[in-house]
Protein backbone atom coordinates (compact mmCIF):
# COMPACT_ATOMS: atom_id res chain seq x y z
CA MET A 1 38.73 8.90 -47.43
CA SER A 2 37.56 8.45 -51.02
CA ARG A 3 34.09 8.74 -52.49
CA PHE A 4 32.56 7.12 -55.54
CA THR A 5 29.11 6.68 -57.01
CA LEU A 6 27.81 3.18 -57.54
CA ARG A 7 24.67 2.14 -59.40
CA LEU A 8 22.95 -0.82 -57.75
CA PRO A 9 19.90 -2.86 -58.68
CA GLU A 10 17.03 -1.81 -56.42
CA THR A 11 16.75 -5.31 -54.92
CA LEU A 12 20.43 -5.33 -53.92
CA HIS A 13 20.13 -1.84 -52.46
CA ASN A 14 17.11 -2.92 -50.41
CA GLU A 15 18.92 -6.04 -49.17
CA LEU A 16 21.97 -4.02 -48.12
CA GLU A 17 19.75 -1.51 -46.30
CA THR A 18 17.98 -4.35 -44.48
CA ARG A 19 21.26 -5.94 -43.39
CA ALA A 20 22.68 -2.61 -42.27
CA ARG A 21 19.56 -1.95 -40.22
CA GLN A 22 19.81 -5.43 -38.65
CA GLU A 23 23.43 -4.71 -37.69
CA GLY A 24 22.49 -1.27 -36.37
CA VAL A 25 24.90 0.61 -38.65
CA SER A 26 24.57 3.00 -41.56
CA LEU A 27 24.31 1.69 -45.10
CA ASN A 28 27.72 3.20 -45.84
CA GLN A 29 29.30 1.44 -42.85
CA TYR A 30 27.75 -1.87 -43.83
CA ILE A 31 28.93 -1.63 -47.46
CA VAL A 32 32.47 -0.74 -46.34
CA TYR A 33 32.39 -3.70 -43.93
CA ALA A 34 31.08 -6.09 -46.61
CA LEU A 35 33.65 -4.99 -49.17
CA THR A 36 36.47 -5.17 -46.65
CA LYS A 37 35.40 -8.63 -45.57
CA GLN A 38 35.35 -9.79 -49.18
CA VAL A 39 38.67 -8.22 -50.14
CA SER A 40 40.76 -8.84 -47.05
CA PRO A 41 40.55 -11.86 -44.74
CA VAL A 42 42.60 -9.86 -42.22
CA TYR A 43 39.41 -8.06 -41.20
CA THR A 44 37.50 -11.27 -40.58
CA VAL A 45 36.99 -12.33 -36.98
CA GLN A 46 37.86 -16.00 -36.78
CA MET A 47 37.48 -18.41 -33.91
CA VAL A 48 40.75 -19.73 -32.51
CA SER A 49 41.04 -23.03 -30.69
CA LYS A 50 41.97 -23.07 -27.01
CA GLU A 51 45.14 -24.99 -27.93
CA ASN A 52 46.12 -22.29 -30.40
CA ILE A 53 45.49 -19.62 -27.78
CA ARG A 54 47.68 -21.47 -25.28
CA GLU A 55 50.47 -21.77 -27.88
CA GLN A 56 50.25 -18.07 -28.70
CA GLN A 57 50.38 -17.17 -25.00
CA GLU A 58 53.49 -19.33 -24.53
CA GLN A 59 55.16 -17.76 -27.57
CA PHE A 60 54.31 -14.29 -26.30
CA GLN A 61 55.73 -15.05 -22.87
CA GLU A 62 58.94 -16.32 -24.47
CA PHE A 63 59.10 -13.18 -26.57
CA GLN A 64 58.64 -11.00 -23.49
CA LYS A 65 61.48 -12.85 -21.73
CA SER A 66 63.74 -12.29 -24.75
CA LEU A 67 63.19 -8.53 -24.52
CA GLY A 68 64.65 -8.26 -21.06
CA GLU A 69 63.77 -5.65 -18.48
CA THR A 70 62.91 -2.05 -19.32
CA SER A 71 62.65 0.79 -16.87
CA LYS A 72 59.43 2.72 -16.54
CA ALA A 73 61.24 5.86 -17.75
CA GLU A 74 62.46 4.09 -20.92
CA ALA A 75 58.99 2.77 -21.66
CA GLN A 76 57.48 6.23 -21.13
CA ALA A 77 60.06 7.76 -23.50
CA TRP A 78 59.18 5.22 -26.22
CA LEU A 79 55.48 5.92 -25.79
CA LEU A 80 56.07 9.64 -26.21
CA GLU A 81 57.95 9.00 -29.49
CA ARG A 82 55.17 6.97 -31.12
CA GLU A 83 53.11 8.35 -33.96
CA ALA A 84 49.64 9.50 -32.97
CA SER A 85 46.74 8.12 -34.97
CA ARG A 86 43.09 9.04 -35.03
CA PRO A 87 40.36 6.41 -34.76
CA GLU A 88 38.03 5.91 -37.70
CA GLU A 89 35.30 8.55 -37.63
CA ASP A 90 32.50 6.01 -38.03
CA LEU A 91 33.81 3.71 -35.29
CA THR A 92 31.57 4.54 -32.36
CA ALA A 93 31.56 3.08 -28.87
CA GLU A 94 28.26 1.39 -29.70
CA ILE A 95 29.76 -0.43 -32.70
CA ILE A 96 32.74 -1.56 -30.63
CA TYR A 97 30.33 -2.83 -27.95
CA ARG A 98 28.32 -4.78 -30.54
CA VAL A 99 31.42 -6.38 -32.03
CA LYS A 100 32.64 -7.40 -28.58
CA ALA A 101 29.21 -8.83 -27.78
CA LYS A 102 29.25 -10.90 -30.98
CA ILE A 103 32.71 -12.24 -30.14
CA VAL A 104 31.57 -13.22 -26.65
CA ALA A 105 28.45 -14.86 -28.08
CA ALA A 106 30.56 -16.83 -30.56
CA GLU A 107 32.93 -17.94 -27.79
CA THR A 108 29.98 -19.00 -25.63
CA TYR A 109 28.49 -20.92 -28.55
CA GLU A 110 31.82 -22.68 -29.13
CA GLN A 111 32.06 -23.64 -25.45
CA LEU A 112 28.54 -25.10 -25.53
CA SER A 113 29.23 -27.09 -28.71
């Protein structure tokens, strides 16, 4: 992970601190989130229509069928070969819970609309 020093106007710094506090995360976490969101739309949670979900499920089922059958031993061997990765240090169970809660709230809002 890299570090760099950034000079900010006091008003912007205060606004970022306020938003981080509202989200229940550190200022650093919030700035990384905001920059990531701005730079890469891949990190943005977007609502997907029920029709799109159904289409994706059908495509996935077709894909699964195309793979054929695999024995439990083969699957276990593949899992043992995979590269291990460590989760992000700042990604706590509380943050994951909050993100999931926001997704559920957004889905509920969409259903009510």
